[in-house]
Structure formats: structure tokens, C-alpha cells
C-alpha atoms as a PDB file:
ATOM      1  CA  UNK A   1      14.776 -93.494-153.454  1.00  0.00           C
ATOM      2  CA  UNK A   2      18.380 -93.190-154.777  1.00  0.00           C
ATOM      3  CA  UNK A   3      19.029 -92.963-158.507  1.00  0.00           C
ATOM      4  CA  UNK A   4      20.476 -96.098-160.053  1.00  0.00           C
ATOM      5  CA  UNK A   5      24.155 -96.020-160.491  1.00  0.00           C
ATOM      6  CA  UNK A   6      25.345 -97.008-164.171  1.00  0.00           C
ATOM      7  CA  UNK A   7      28.991 -98.399-164.221  1.00  0.00           C
ATOM      8  CA  UNK A   8      30.348 -97.888-167.907  1.00  0.00           C
ATOM      9  CA  UNK A   9      32.292-100.668-169.014  1.00  0.00           C
ATOM     10  CA  UNK A  10      35.988-100.642-168.985  1.00  0.00           C
ATOM     11  CA  UNK A  11      38.479-102.423-171.228  1.00  0.00           C
ATOM     12  CA  UNK A  12      40.551-105.199-169.640  1.00  0.00           C
ATOM     13  CA  UNK A  13      44.193-104.991-169.910  1.00  0.00           C
ATOM     14  CA  UNK A  14      45.749-106.041-173.043  1.00  0.00           C
ATOM     15  CA  UNK A  15      49.067-107.307-174.043  1.00  0.00           C
ATOM     16  CA  UNK A  16      51.443-104.727-175.077  1.00  0.00           C
ATOM     17  CA  UNK A  17      53.280-106.042-178.326  1.00  0.00           C
ATOM     18  CA  UNK A  18      56.155-103.521-178.737  1.00  0.00           C
ATOM     19  CA  UNK A  19      57.714-102.979-182.226  1.00  0.00           C
ATOM     20  CA  UNK A  20      61.396-102.744-181.371  1.00  0.00           C
ATOM     21  CA  UNK A  21      62.662-100.712-184.332  1.00  0.00           C
ATOM     22  CA  UNK A  22      59.670 -98.863-185.588  1.00  0.00           C
ATOM     23  CA  UNK A  23      57.542 -95.953-184.021  1.00  0.00           C
ATOM     24  CA  UNK A  24      53.974 -97.450-184.396  1.00  0.00           C
ATOM     25  CA  UNK A  25      52.988-100.960-182.849  1.00  0.00           C
ATOM     26  CA  UNK A  26      49.686-102.585-183.217  1.00  0.00           C
ATOM     27  CA  UNK A  27      48.406-103.664-179.679  1.00  0.00           C
ATOM     28  CA  UNK A  28      45.126-105.606-179.652  1.00  0.00           C
ATOM     29  CA  UNK A  29      43.500-103.668-182.429  1.00  0.00           C
ATOM     30  CA  UNK A  30      44.967-100.210-181.455  1.00  0.00           C
ATOM     31  CA  UNK A  31      48.153 -98.474-182.815  1.00  0.00           C
ATOM     32  CA  UNK A  32      50.400 -96.908-180.346  1.00  0.00           C
ATOM     33  CA  UNK A  33      53.485 -94.578-180.557  1.00  0.00           C
ATOM     34  CA  UNK A  34      56.114 -96.915-178.977  1.00  0.00           C
ATOM     35  CA  UNK A  35      59.795 -96.994-179.627  1.00  0.00           C
ATOM     36  CA  UNK A  36      62.778 -98.680-178.067  1.00  0.00           C
ATOM     37  CA  UNK A  37      65.431 -95.904-178.246  1.00  0.00           C
ATOM     38  CA  UNK A  38      68.250 -95.493-175.393  1.00  0.00           C
ATOM     39  CA  UNK A  39      69.445 -92.283-177.072  1.00  0.00           C
ATOM     40  CA  UNK A  40      66.766 -90.082-175.324  1.00  0.00           C
ATOM     41  CA  UNK A  41      63.616 -91.178-177.180  1.00  0.00           C
ATOM     42  CA  UNK A  42      62.276 -94.119-175.466  1.00  0.00           C
ATOM     43  CA  UNK A  43      58.469 -94.122-175.700  1.00  0.00           C
ATOM     44  CA  UNK A  44      56.064 -96.646-173.745  1.00  0.00           C
ATOM     45  CA  UNK A  45      52.547 -97.794-174.998  1.00  0.00           C
ATOM     46  CA  UNK A  46      49.988 -95.844-173.008  1.00  0.00           C
ATOM     47  CA  UNK A  47      48.271 -97.295-169.990  1.00  0.00           C
ATOM     48  CA  UNK A  48      45.488 -96.341-167.585  1.00  0.00           C
ATOM     49  CA  UNK A  49      46.297 -96.665-163.772  1.00  0.00           C
ATOM     50  CA  UNK A  50      43.015 -98.785-163.233  1.00  0.00           C
ATOM     51  CA  UNK A  51      44.419-101.186-165.917  1.00  0.00           C
ATOM     52  CA  UNK A  52      47.330-101.852-163.487  1.00  0.00           C
ATOM     53  CA  UNK A  53      45.262-102.426-160.660  1.00  0.00           C
ATOM     54  CA  UNK A  54      42.923-104.529-162.432  1.00  0.00           C
ATOM     55  CA  UNK A  55      45.626-106.697-163.916  1.00  0.00           C
ATOM     56  CA  UNK A  56      47.221-107.461-160.416  1.00  0.00           C
ATOM     57  CA  UNK A  57      43.788-107.982-158.525  1.00  0.00           C
ATOM     58  CA  UNK A  58      42.198-110.271-161.080  1.00  0.00           C
ATOM     59  CA  UNK A  59      45.275-112.619-161.203  1.00  0.00           C
ATOM     60  CA  UNK A  60      45.962-112.615-157.613  1.00  0.00           C
ATOM     61  CA  UNK A  61      42.425-113.049-156.396  1.00  0.00           C
ATOM     62  CA  UNK A  62      41.749-115.667-159.108  1.00  0.00           C
ATOM     63  CA  UNK A  63      44.645-117.621-157.629  1.00  0.00           C
ATOM     64  CA  UNK A  64      43.616-117.058-154.032  1.00  0.00           C
ATOM     65  CA  UNK A  65      40.066-118.493-155.038  1.00  0.00           C
ATOM     66  CA  UNK A  66      41.463-121.532-157.058  1.00  0.00           C
ATOM     67  CA  UNK A  67      44.091-122.419-154.259  1.00  0.00           C
ATOM     68  CA  UNK A  68      41.551-122.248-151.492  1.00  0.00           C
ATOM     69  CA  UNK A  69      41.619-125.996-151.936  1.00  0.00           C
ATOM     70  CA  UNK A  70      45.173-127.132-152.713  1.00  0.00           C
ATOM     71  CA  UNK A  71      46.859-130.593-153.012  1.00  0.00           C
ATOM     72  CA  UNK A  72      49.892-129.497-150.864  1.00  0.00           C
ATOM     73  CA  UNK A  73      50.761-126.420-148.890  1.00  0.00           C
ATOM     74  CA  UNK A  74      54.311-125.606-148.135  1.00  0.00           C
ATOM     75  CA  UNK A  75      54.900-123.302-145.085  1.00  0.00           C
ATOM     76  CA  UNK A  76      58.187-121.441-145.585  1.00  0.00           C
ATOM     77  CA  UNK A  77      60.247-120.648-149.036  1.00  0.00           C
ATOM     78  CA  UNK A  78      63.347-121.180-147.584  1.00  0.00           C
ATOM     79  CA  UNK A  79      66.190-123.636-148.989  1.00  0.00           C
ATOM     80  CA  UNK A  80      64.155-126.666-147.708  1.00  0.00           C
ATOM     81  CA  UNK A  81      60.906-125.426-148.705  1.00  0.00           C
ATOM     82  CA  UNK A  82      62.047-124.448-152.086  1.00  0.00           C
ATOM     83  CA  UNK A  83      63.935-127.679-152.715  1.00  0.00           C
ATOM     84  CA  UNK A  84      60.718-129.600-151.767  1.00  0.00           C
ATOM     85  CA  UNK A  85      58.661-127.419-154.162  1.00  0.00           C
ATOM     86  CA  UNK A  86      60.913-128.086-157.015  1.00  0.00           C
ATOM     87  CA  UNK A  87      61.254-132.004-156.549  1.00  0.00           C
ATOM     88  CA  UNK A  88      57.525-132.304-155.739  1.00  0.00           C
ATOM     89  CA  UNK A  89      56.272-130.029-158.812  1.00  0.00           C
ATOM     90  CA  UNK A  90      58.672-131.575-161.216  1.00  0.00           C
ATOM     91  CA  UNK A  91      57.804-135.349-159.976  1.00  0.00           C
ATOM     92  CA  UNK A  92      53.905-134.624-159.672  1.00  0.00           C
ATOM     93  CA  UNK A  93      52.952-131.896-162.210  1.00  0.00           C
ATOM     94  CA  UNK A  94      49.378-132.784-161.418  1.00  0.00           C
ATOM     95  CA  UNK A  95      49.529-131.578-158.005  1.00  0.00           C
ATOM     96  CA  UNK A  96      48.501-127.943-157.038  1.00  0.00           C
ATOM     97  CA  UNK A  97      51.200-126.797-154.690  1.00  0.00           C
ATOM     98  CA  UNK A  98      50.906-123.568-152.679  1.00  0.00           C
ATOM     99  CA  UNK A  99      53.921-122.058-150.830  1.00  0.00           C
ATOM    100  CA  UNK A 100      53.036-119.675-148.091  1.00  0.00           C
ATOM    101  CA  UNK A 101      56.133-117.387-146.972  1.00  0.00           C
ATOM    102  CA  UNK A 102      55.772-114.833-144.244  1.00  0.00           C
ATOM    103  CA  UNK A 103      58.580-112.567-145.590  1.00  0.00           C
ATOM    104  CA  UNK A 104      58.415-110.185-148.364  1.00  0.00           C
ATOM    105  CA  UNK A 105      61.446-111.947-149.803  1.00  0.00           C
ATOM    106  CA  UNK A 106      61.356-115.697-150.167  1.00  0.00           C
ATOM    107  CA  UNK A 107      64.498-117.631-149.544  1.00  0.00           C
ATOM    108  CA  UNK A 108      65.014-117.602-145.849  1.00  0.00           C
ATOM    109  CA  UNK A 109      68.613-117.788-144.695  1.00  0.00           C
ATOM    110  CA  UNK A 110      69.896-118.994-147.902  1.00  0.00           C
ATOM    111  CA  UNK A 111      70.868-115.680-149.279  1.00  0.00           C
ATOM    112  CA  UNK A 112      74.250-115.659-147.265  1.00  0.00           C
ATOM    113  CA  UNK A 113      76.450-118.235-146.003  1.00  0.00           C
ATOM    114  CA  UNK A 114      77.766-117.996-142.472  1.00  0.00           C
ATOM    115  CA  UNK A 115      78.386-114.777-140.618  1.00  0.00           C
ATOM    116  CA  UNK A 116      77.059-112.509-143.331  1.00  0.00           C
ATOM    117  CA  UNK A 117      79.640-113.895-145.826  1.00  0.00           C
ATOM    118  CA  UNK A 118      78.558-114.922-149.282  1.00  0.00           C
ATOM    119  CA  UNK A 119      79.865-118.391-150.208  1.00  0.00           C
ATOM    120  CA  UNK A 120      77.596-121.406-149.728  1.00  0.00           C
ATOM    121  CA  UNK A 121      78.937-124.692-148.559  1.00  0.00           C
ATOM    122  CA  UNK A 122      77.220-127.937-149.662  1.00  0.00           C
ATOM    123  CA  UNK A 123      78.371-131.252-148.515  1.00  0.00           C
ATOM    124  CA  UNK A 124      78.447-134.345-150.868  1.00  0.00           C
ATOM    125  CA  UNK A 125      76.164-135.871-152.079  1.00  0.00           C
ATOM    126  CA  UNK A 126      73.997-132.905-152.185  1.00  0.00           C
ATOM    127  CA  UNK A 127      75.934-131.258-154.970  1.00  0.00           C
ATOM    128  CA  UNK A 128      73.903-133.577-157.423  1.00  0.00           C
ATOM    129  CA  UNK A 129      70.956-131.129-156.738  1.00  0.00           C
ATOM    130  CA  UNK A 130      73.131-128.141-157.565  1.00  0.00           C
ATOM    131  CA  UNK A 131      74.039-130.122-160.744  1.00  0.00           C
ATOM    132  CA  UNK A 132      70.208-130.538-161.537  1.00  0.00           C
ATOM    133  CA  UNK A 133      69.639-126.895-161.047  1.00  0.00           C
ATOM    134  CA  UNK A 134      72.618-125.961-163.137  1.00  0.00           C
ATOM    135  CA  UNK A 135      74.267-124.059-160.220  1.00  0.00           C
ATOM    136  CA  UNK A 136      78.115-123.919-160.770  1.00  0.00           C
ATOM    137  CA  UNK A 137      80.583-124.468-157.997  1.00  0.00           C
ATOM    138  CA  UNK A 138      84.083-125.073-156.884  1.00  0.00           C
ATOM    139  CA  UNK A 139      84.685-128.877-155.876  1.00  0.00           C
ATOM    140  CA  UNK A 140      86.779-129.078-152.522  1.00  0.00           C
ATOM    141  CA  UNK A 141      86.604-132.789-152.320  1.00  0.00           C
ATOM    142  CA  UNK A 142      84.243-133.696-149.560  1.00  0.00           C
ATOM    143  CA  UNK A 143      81.925-130.630-150.168  1.00  0.00           C
ATOM    144  CA  UNK A 144      81.532-127.848-152.810  1.00  0.00           C
ATOM    145  CA  UNK A 145      81.313-124.205-152.525  1.00  0.00           C
ATOM    146  CA  UNK A 146      78.845-121.953-154.406  1.00  0.00           C
ATOM    147  CA  UNK A 147      80.505-118.539-154.884  1.00  0.00           C
ATOM    148  CA  UNK A 148      77.401-116.808-153.666  1.00  0.00           C
ATOM    149  CA  UNK A 149      74.664-118.149-151.700  1.00  0.00           C
ATOM    150  CA  UNK A 150      72.269-115.925-153.684  1.00  0.00           C
ATOM    151  CA  UNK A 151      73.178-117.693-156.803  1.00  0.00           C
ATOM    152  CA  UNK A 152      71.752-120.959-155.573  1.00  0.00           C
ATOM    153  CA  UNK A 153      68.500-119.191-153.897  1.00  0.00           C
ATOM    154  CA  UNK A 154      67.879-117.029-156.860  1.00  0.00           C
ATOM    155  CA  UNK A 155      68.142-120.025-159.201  1.00  0.00           C
ATOM    156  CA  UNK A 156      65.835-122.383-157.465  1.00  0.00           C
ATOM    157  CA  UNK A 157      63.382-119.650-156.813  1.00  0.00           C
ATOM    158  CA  UNK A 158      63.331-118.898-160.458  1.00  0.00           C
ATOM    159  CA  UNK A 159      62.940-122.638-161.305  1.00  0.00           C
ATOM    160  CA  UNK A 160      60.002-123.156-158.937  1.00  0.00           C
ATOM    161  CA  UNK A 161      58.057-120.020-159.974  1.00  0.00           C
ATOM    162  CA  UNK A 162      58.320-121.034-163.678  1.00  0.00           C
ATOM    163  CA  UNK A 163      56.464-124.351-162.853  1.00  0.00           C
ATOM    164  CA  UNK A 164      53.023-124.081-163.842  1.00  0.00           C
ATOM    165  CA  UNK A 165      51.625-126.085-160.859  1.00  0.00           C
ATOM    166  CA  UNK A 166      53.314-123.999-158.260  1.00  0.00           C
ATOM    167  CA  UNK A 167      51.970-120.787-156.586  1.00  0.00           C
ATOM    168  CA  UNK A 168      53.772-118.545-154.161  1.00  0.00           C
ATOM    169  CA  UNK A 169      52.217-116.141-151.633  1.00  0.00           C
ATOM    170  CA  UNK A 170      54.679-114.157-149.956  1.00  0.00           C
ATOM    171  CA  UNK A 171      54.028-111.540-147.397  1.00  0.00           C
ATOM    172  CA  UNK A 172      51.434-114.021-146.022  1.00  0.00           C
ATOM    173  CA  UNK A 173      51.663-115.556-142.565  1.00  0.00           C
ATOM    174  CA  UNK A 174      50.342-118.953-141.569  1.00  0.00           C
ATOM    175  CA  UNK A 175      48.647-118.041-138.124  1.00  0.00           C
ATOM    176  CA  UNK A 176      47.281-121.620-137.305  1.00  0.00           C
ATOM    177  CA  UNK A 177      46.701-125.089-138.527  1.00  0.00           C
ATOM    178  CA  UNK A 178      43.330-126.553-139.544  1.00  0.00           C
ATOM    179  CA  UNK A 179      42.808-129.850-137.699  1.00  0.00           C
ATOM    180  CA  UNK A 180      40.100-132.375-138.075  1.00  0.00           C
ATOM    181  CA  UNK A 181      39.157-135.836-136.890  1.00  0.00           C
ATOM    182  CA  UNK A 182      41.489-138.409-138.909  1.00  0.00           C
ATOM    183  CA  UNK A 183      38.930-140.538-141.032  1.00  0.00           C
ATOM    184  CA  UNK A 184      41.468-143.359-140.799  1.00  0.00           C
ATOM    185  CA  UNK A 185      40.981-143.727-137.089  1.00  0.00           C
ATOM    186  CA  UNK A 186      37.557-145.725-136.360  1.00  0.00           C
ATOM    187  CA  UNK A 187      37.607-144.257-132.749  1.00  0.00           C
ATOM    188  CA  UNK A 188      37.399-140.697-133.935  1.00  0.00           C
ATOM    189  CA  UNK A 189      39.810-139.542-131.219  1.00  0.00           C
ATOM    190  CA  UNK A 190      43.018-139.200-133.475  1.00  0.00           C
ATOM    191  CA  UNK A 191      43.491-135.763-135.195  1.00  0.00           C
ATOM    192  CA  UNK A 192      44.580-134.846-138.782  1.00  0.00           C
ATOM    193  CA  UNK A 193      46.282-131.434-139.959  1.00  0.00           C
ATOM    194  CA  UNK A 194      43.921-130.553-142.937  1.00  0.00           C
ATOM    195  CA  UNK A 195      44.949-127.081-143.860  1.00  0.00           C
ATOM    196  CA  UNK A 196      46.491-123.753-142.807  1.00  0.00           C
ATOM    197  CA  UNK A 197      44.927-120.400-141.589  1.00  0.00           C
ATOM    198  CA  UNK A 198      46.445-117.437-143.143  1.00  0.00           C
ATOM    199  CA  UNK A 199      46.779-113.751-142.962  1.00  0.00           C
ATOM    200  CA  UNK A 200      48.763-110.967-144.197  1.00  0.00           C
ATOM    201  CA  UNK A 201      52.028-110.827-142.473  1.00  0.00           C
ATOM    202  CA  UNK A 202      51.397-107.307-141.500  1.00  0.00           C
ATOM    203  CA  UNK A 203      48.178-107.964-140.064  1.00  0.00           C
ATOM    204  CA  UNK A 204      49.483-110.981-138.004  1.00  0.00           C
ATOM    205  CA  UNK A 205      52.051-108.726-136.723  1.00  0.00           C
ATOM    206  CA  UNK A 206      49.557-106.228-135.393  1.00  0.00           C
ATOM    207  CA  UNK A 207      46.780-108.215-133.699  1.00  0.00           C
ATOM    208  CA  UNK A 208      47.748-106.479-130.474  1.00  0.00           C
ATOM    209  CA  UNK A 209      47.408-102.959-131.959  1.00  0.00           C
ATOM    210  CA  UNK A 210      44.185-103.077-133.845  1.00  0.00           C
ATOM    211  CA  UNK A 211      40.627-104.714-133.256  1.00  0.00           C
ATOM    212  CA  UNK A 212      40.042-108.149-134.386  1.00  0.00           C
ATOM    213  CA  UNK A 213      41.146-108.978-137.954  1.00  0.00           C
ATOM    214  CA  UNK A 214      40.074-112.534-138.915  1.00  0.00           C
ATOM    215  CA  UNK A 215      42.138-114.704-141.148  1.00  0.00           C
ATOM    216  CA  UNK A 216      41.618-116.969-144.267  1.00  0.00           C
ATOM    217  CA  UNK A 217      42.026-120.540-144.746  1.00  0.00           C
ATOM    218  CA  UNK A 218      43.525-122.956-147.299  1.00  0.00           C
ATOM    219  CA  UNK A 219      42.689-126.735-146.888  1.00  0.00           C
ATOM    220  CA  UNK A 220      45.025-129.386-148.422  1.00  0.00           C
ATOM    221  CA  UNK A 221      45.435-133.240-147.663  1.00  0.00           C
ATOM    222  CA  UNK A 222      49.099-132.539-147.018  1.00  0.00           C
ATOM    223  CA  UNK A 223      51.008-129.678-145.350  1.00  0.00           C
ATOM    224  CA  UNK A 224      54.670-129.594-145.508  1.00  0.00           C
ATOM    225  CA  UNK A 225      56.249-127.200-142.863  1.00  0.00           C
ATOM    226  CA  UNK A 226      59.696-125.726-143.422  1.00  0.00           C
ATOM    227  CA  UNK A 227      59.493-122.723-141.159  1.00  0.00           C
ATOM    228  CA  UNK A 228      63.136-123.037-139.775  1.00  0.00           C
ATOM    229  CA  UNK A 229      64.497-123.095-136.271  1.00  0.00           C
ATOM    230  CA  UNK A 230      62.963-121.065-133.515  1.00  0.00           C
ATOM    231  CA  UNK A 231      62.756-117.288-134.313  1.00  0.00           C
ATOM    232  CA  UNK A 232      60.083-114.619-134.743  1.00  0.00           C
ATOM    233  CA  UNK A 233      58.040-117.043-136.947  1.00  0.00           C
ATOM    234  CA  UNK A 234      60.289-119.932-137.011  1.00  0.00           C
ATOM    235  CA  UNK A 235      59.441-123.589-135.651  1.00  0.00           C
ATOM    236  CA  UNK A 236      55.662-122.460-135.993  1.00  0.00           C
ATOM    237  CA  UNK A 237      54.293-125.769-136.779  1.00  0.00           C
ATOM    238  CA  UNK A 238      56.271-127.517-134.134  1.00  0.00           C
ATOM    239  CA  UNK A 239      55.370-125.011-131.452  1.00  0.00           C
ATOM    240  CA  UNK A 240      51.735-125.187-132.457  1.00  0.00           C
ATOM    241  CA  UNK A 241      51.646-128.910-132.187  1.00  0.00           C
ATOM    242  CA  UNK A 242      52.724-128.755-128.737  1.00  0.00           C
ATOM    243  CA  UNK A 243      50.156-125.867-127.885  1.00  0.00           C
ATOM    244  CA  UNK A 244      47.139-127.873-129.362  1.00  0.00           C
ATOM    245  CA  UNK A 245      48.202-131.311-127.573  1.00  0.00           C
ATOM    246  CA  UNK A 246      49.343-133.127-130.587  1.00  0.00           C
ATOM    247  CA  UNK A 247      53.098-133.161-129.166  1.00  0.00           C
ATOM    248  CA  UNK A 248      54.071-133.419-125.406  1.00  0.00           C
ATOM    249  CA  UNK A 249      56.910-131.028-125.738  1.00  0.00           C
ATOM    250  CA  UNK A 250      59.687-129.755-128.001  1.00  0.00           C
ATOM    251  CA  UNK A 251      62.909-131.563-128.368  1.00  0.00           C
ATOM    252  CA  UNK A 252      64.741-128.247-128.683  1.00  0.00           C
ATOM    253  CA  UNK A 253      67.587-127.717-130.902  1.00  0.00           C
ATOM    254  CA  UNK A 254      70.938-128.898-129.615  1.00  0.00           C
ATOM    255  CA  UNK A 255      74.290-127.305-130.070  1.00  0.00           C
ATOM    256  CA  UNK A 256      76.164-127.136-133.425  1.00  0.00           C
ATOM    257  CA  UNK A 257      77.731-130.401-134.846  1.00  0.00           C
ATOM    258  CA  UNK A 258      77.682-130.450-138.567  1.00  0.00           C
ATOM    259  CA  UNK A 259      78.493-134.392-138.554  1.00  0.00           C
ATOM    260  CA  UNK A 260      75.356-135.310-136.410  1.00  0.00           C
ATOM    261  CA  UNK A 261      73.208-132.560-137.608  1.00  0.00           C
ATOM    262  CA  UNK A 262      72.836-132.900-141.281  1.00  0.00           C
ATOM    263  CA  UNK A 263      72.151-136.586-141.443  1.00  0.00           C
ATOM    264  CA  UNK A 264      69.727-136.361-138.661  1.00  0.00           C
ATOM    265  CA  UNK A 265      67.740-133.704-140.377  1.00  0.00           C
ATOM    266  CA  UNK A 266      67.489-135.723-143.656  1.00  0.00           C
ATOM    267  CA  UNK A 267      66.907-138.987-142.214  1.00  0.00           C
ATOM    268  CA  UNK A 268      64.259-137.482-139.790  1.00  0.00           C
ATOM    269  CA  UNK A 269      62.217-135.743-142.280  1.00  0.00           C
ATOM    270  CA  UNK A 270      58.797-137.422-142.181  1.00  0.00           C
ATOM    271  CA  UNK A 271      55.119-137.046-141.487  1.00  0.00           C
ATOM    272  CA  UNK A 272      55.399-136.002-137.712  1.00  0.00           C
ATOM    273  CA  UNK A 273      51.550-135.835-137.327  1.00  0.00           C
ATOM    274  CA  UNK A 274      48.798-137.228-139.534  1.00  0.00           C
ATOM    275  CA  UNK A 275      48.816-134.638-142.453  1.00  0.00           C
ATOM    276  CA  UNK A 276      51.767-132.777-141.546  1.00  0.00           C
ATOM    277  CA  UNK A 277      55.365-133.480-142.863  1.00  0.00           C
ATOM    278  CA  UNK A 278      58.160-131.538-141.335  1.00  0.00           C
ATOM    279  CA  UNK A 279      61.330-130.601-143.220  1.00  0.00           C
ATOM    280  CA  UNK A 280      64.481-128.573-142.712  1.00  0.00           C
ATOM    281  CA  UNK A 281      65.551-126.933-139.448  1.00  0.00           C
ATOM    282  CA  UNK A 282      62.273-127.001-137.866  1.00  0.00           C
ATOM    283  CA  UNK A 283      62.923-130.622-137.295  1.00  0.00           C
ATOM    284  CA  UNK A 284      65.800-129.798-134.977  1.00  0.00           C
ATOM    285  CA  UNK A 285      63.291-127.948-132.666  1.00  0.00           C
ATOM    286  CA  UNK A 286      60.774-130.749-132.999  1.00  0.00           C
ATOM    287  CA  UNK A 287      63.236-133.843-132.481  1.00  0.00           C
ATOM    288  CA  UNK A 288      65.908-132.286-130.480  1.00  0.00           C
ATOM    289  CA  UNK A 289      68.803-132.592-133.064  1.00  0.00           C
ATOM    290  CA  UNK A 290      71.893-130.513-133.357  1.00  0.00           C
ATOM    291  CA  UNK A 291      72.301-127.437-135.369  1.00  0.00           C
ATOM    292  CA  UNK A 292      74.441-127.491-138.388  1.00  0.00           C
ATOM    293  CA  UNK A 293      75.312-123.853-139.082  1.00  0.00           C
ATOM    294  CA  UNK A 294      76.298-122.628-142.310  1.00  0.00           C
ATOM    295  CA  UNK A 295      76.131-125.718-144.497  1.00  0.00           C
ATOM    296  CA  UNK A 296      73.066-126.214-146.824  1.00  0.00           C
ATOM    297  CA  UNK A 297      73.244-129.705-148.183  1.00  0.00           C
ATOM    298  CA  UNK A 298      70.825-131.090-145.603  1.00  0.00           C
ATOM    299  CA  UNK A 299      68.276-128.556-146.552  1.00  0.00           C
ATOM    300  CA  UNK A 300      68.264-129.494-149.904  1.00  0.00           C
ATOM    301  CA  UNK A 301      68.022-133.204-149.307  1.00  0.00           C
ATOM    302  CA  UNK A 302      65.562-132.815-146.489  1.00  0.00           C
ATOM    303  CA  UNK A 303      63.167-130.830-148.907  1.00  0.00           C
ATOM    304  CA  UNK A 304      63.536-133.444-151.457  1.00  0.00           C
ATOM    305  CA  UNK A 305      62.717-136.340-148.954  1.00  0.00           C
ATOM    306  CA  UNK A 306      59.701-134.430-147.771  1.00  0.00           C
ATOM    307  CA  UNK A 307      58.532-134.153-151.217  1.00  0.00           C
ATOM    308  CA  UNK A 308      58.921-137.997-151.483  1.00  0.00           C
ATOM    309  CA  UNK A 309      57.028-138.357-148.277  1.00  0.00           C
ATOM    310  CA  UNK A 310      54.151-136.446-149.691  1.00  0.00           C
ATOM    311  CA  UNK A 311      54.214-138.643-152.809  1.00  0.00           C
ATOM    312  CA  UNK A 312      53.733-141.560-150.792  1.00  0.00           C
ATOM    313  CA  UNK A 313      50.925-140.114-149.004  1.00  0.00           C
ATOM    314  CA  UNK A 314      49.149-139.211-152.078  1.00  0.00           C
ATOM    315  CA  UNK A 315      49.829-142.634-153.694  1.00  0.00           C
ATOM    316  CA  UNK A 316      48.455-144.515-150.388  1.00  0.00           C
ATOM    317  CA  UNK A 317      45.399-142.318-149.728  1.00  0.00           C
ATOM    318  CA  UNK A 318      41.937-141.829-151.300  1.00  0.00           C
ATOM    319  CA  UNK A 319      41.457-138.045-151.452  1.00  0.00           C
ATOM    320  CA  UNK A 320      38.140-136.384-152.279  1.00  0.00           C
ATOM    321  CA  UNK A 321      37.831-132.453-152.554  1.00  0.00           C
ATOM    322  CA  UNK A 322      40.951-131.791-150.930  1.00  0.00           C
ATOM    323  CA  UNK A 323      40.217-134.160-147.885  1.00  0.00           C
ATOM    324  CA  UNK A 324      41.916-137.634-147.230  1.00  0.00           C
ATOM    325  CA  UNK A 325      38.927-139.993-146.668  1.00  0.00           C
ATOM    326  CA  UNK A 326      40.611-143.203-146.689  1.00  0.00           C
END
């Protein structure tokens, strides 16, 4: 019989309260030799490598556990997805909003303007959203110009992440949608999107090189898809609706026409299938509308409208344990 293994208790991570000017600082009952000195004598409080691991693991997996049932899942953290998350989280602080982003870096294509140039063009009246965020711009009459697209994206990303009811899981891919019979249909034939199937993006990209690597799931009464136009992981939900028989065929994005494209995206933002709201450029693939190119006002406005659609669903539905029952 193998001998019993005894695991000694390990201290949890503790807050490091640094004394800026002094040499000694009290940290959770201990005194450590720390100093903020930029002339060659900067000293940190000590740390064990295991404390770093435990600090990350405990928080990340606690979040995964708690968000296994979310109120809203937003697929994609580009300009539309982030605008949606901001408006929804501010309007309904009671909702648990979980954003799933396949890339390591959130922001989608909103880090640059057109052809890798830095300015961002936003047509009015979407400049009002920039005012709300506090993003400065130059006014050109019918449109405004943010000096660098990254100024908008970094600002909204920081605002979204600071909201207590929002969680972002980046480097995480949505591999499929959870679909159940719609309880509002007495025949039982109608289907409702009821969650997402997730995996680490690096795993999702390597299913052909390894043996079976099963996913995880997150359930939610409302899913908002903001995965962009067709690409490596773009238009995911639109394409999946076709392959699962909930949409006959893709509309396919039409050629560029800014004047038709932007109002079509904003006005077309809606619940495209029970439980699934679509926003941003993914709608152009779903509906067959024009592309807009390097102008971003419709992404912001479409995200805001998606948030309003989600609120409408919550206000008109009976929800129990993350499921719409009536």
C-alpha cells in the first residue's frame, strides 16, 4: 500500500503594499525590504513562483466556473462587440456579460484605419458615442476623424474591462453553438440558440494535428455574434446557421458602398434566429449587404442597437437558470 502523501499548507497570495519612500513596508503582517528608487536601488517585495501561478489560476478558473451560466455571451471583441458590451453593461449592470475573443489581442480590425493607415473616420451621428467615451477627434463636418484608431479601441477596451459585470476571455474560440428546442413554440420544432461551445484558440486551430480535444460550454439566454465578415474565424455564426439548417443560405457581402452599407448594418441589427442577435460586419454576410470599408460609425451604432435588442429580450422573457422558459 502506498504511503499517504501529506501536502503542507501554502500561503495564499497577499497584497503587496509598497512604501514609496521608505525601505521597509508592512505587507499582510510581514515586513519586506522594498524601495522605489530609479537611481539603481529599486527593490521589490519577495514572491514565490507558485504564488504567481495560484494568483492567476484561482481567479481565471473561478471566473470560468461562475460564467458557465452567463446572461449574455458576446462572440467577438471588435468595435461592434465592444460597443455592444459597453452599452449593455452600463444599461444593465445586473447582467453577467461574457465576451469571447479568438485572438490574443481584442479589438478586431479597429486598431488601424484603411490600408494600414492610422486615422479612424466616424460618420455623424456616431460621433456622439466618441463623446460619451471621451475620445477626442477633429470635426470635418459630416464626419469626424480620430487621430489614431488605437485611441478609440484602447479607450473602449479599458472602459469595458473596468465594468464589474463584464468578463473577457481572449485567446478563446467559439467552435459551435448550443441549440435547443424553443420553449415558446408549442410544436417543439423551432430551435433556439442557447449558448456557445468554446475551446482555446490554439486547440481549435489544431484539431487536424492532434487526437480529439473536446471543448467546454457556456450557456446564456442571449448570444450576440460580432465575428466580422468572412475570414479565418469571421462570420462564424452566420455560416453555422446555414450548416445546421437554421438559415437557407448566406446573403454574402456585396461590394463597397459606404452610403448604403452603414445604415443597412445598423438598421439590420436584430435577433436573426431565436436567441442569437447579430451585429457588425457579420450581418453583411448574413443579409447580403454592402461592405463599408474604413469607416467605423456603423460598428459602434450597430453594437449599441444589439445591446438594446438584448435588453428587449430580457424585458419580454421569463428566464430561469440561464434559460428562456416563456
